[in-house]
Amino acid sequence: MPRYSAERKATVLKKLLPPHNQLINEAAKEESISEVALYTWHTKV
């Protein structure tokens, strides 16, 4: 399982917030990160 830096996580999570409002599955596909990882990151914020 790859480890991501705090900066990388923050950058990806910003895509899920306004004004972008990108869906988790779309961001996961675009960033080549698993949806499960993004859900986990999103719930810990």
Protein backbone atom coordinates (compact mmCIF):
# COMPACT_ATOMS: atom_id res chain seq x y z
CA MET A 1 0.00 0.00 0.00
CA PRO A 2 1.55 3.30 -1.05
CA ARG A 3 1.95 6.11 1.46
CA TYR A 4 0.96 9.62 0.49
CA SER A 5 2.31 12.85 1.91
CA ALA A 6 0.06 15.18 3.85
CA GLU A 7 0.36 17.71 1.02
CA ARG A 8 -0.77 15.17 -1.58
CA LYS A 9 -3.75 14.16 0.56
CA ALA A 10 -4.73 17.80 1.10
CA THR A 11 -4.52 18.54 -2.62
CA VAL A 12 -6.74 15.59 -3.52
CA LEU A 13 -9.24 16.35 -0.74
CA LYS A 14 -9.58 19.95 -1.95
CA LYS A 15 -11.05 18.55 -5.17
CA LEU A 16 -13.94 17.12 -3.14
CA LEU A 17 -14.86 20.51 -1.69
CA PRO A 18 -16.48 23.57 -3.28
CA PRO A 19 -16.00 25.03 -5.84
CA HIS A 20 -14.90 21.73 -7.48
CA ASN A 21 -17.33 19.34 -5.73
CA GLN A 22 -15.80 16.35 -7.49
CA LEU A 23 -17.18 12.93 -6.57
CA ILE A 24 -14.91 10.57 -4.67
CA ASN A 25 -15.02 7.94 -7.40
CA GLU A 26 -14.10 10.54 -10.04
CA ALA A 27 -11.20 11.90 -7.99
CA ALA A 28 -9.98 8.38 -7.25
CA LYS A 29 -9.91 7.48 -10.94
CA GLU A 30 -8.27 10.79 -11.92
CA GLU A 31 -5.58 10.55 -9.23
CA SER A 32 -5.09 6.75 -9.43
CA ILE A 33 -5.91 6.35 -5.74
CA SER A 34 -8.36 3.78 -4.41
CA GLU A 35 -11.84 4.95 -3.53
CA VAL A 36 -11.47 3.31 -0.11
CA ALA A 37 -8.40 5.44 0.63
CA LEU A 38 -10.24 8.63 -0.34
CA TYR A 39 -13.27 7.71 1.77
CA THR A 40 -10.92 7.10 4.71
CA TRP A 41 -9.10 10.40 4.20
CA HIS A 42 -12.38 12.26 3.79
CA THR A 43 -13.89 10.89 7.00
CA LYS A 44 -10.77 11.75 9.03
CA VAL A 45 -10.89 15.43 8.06
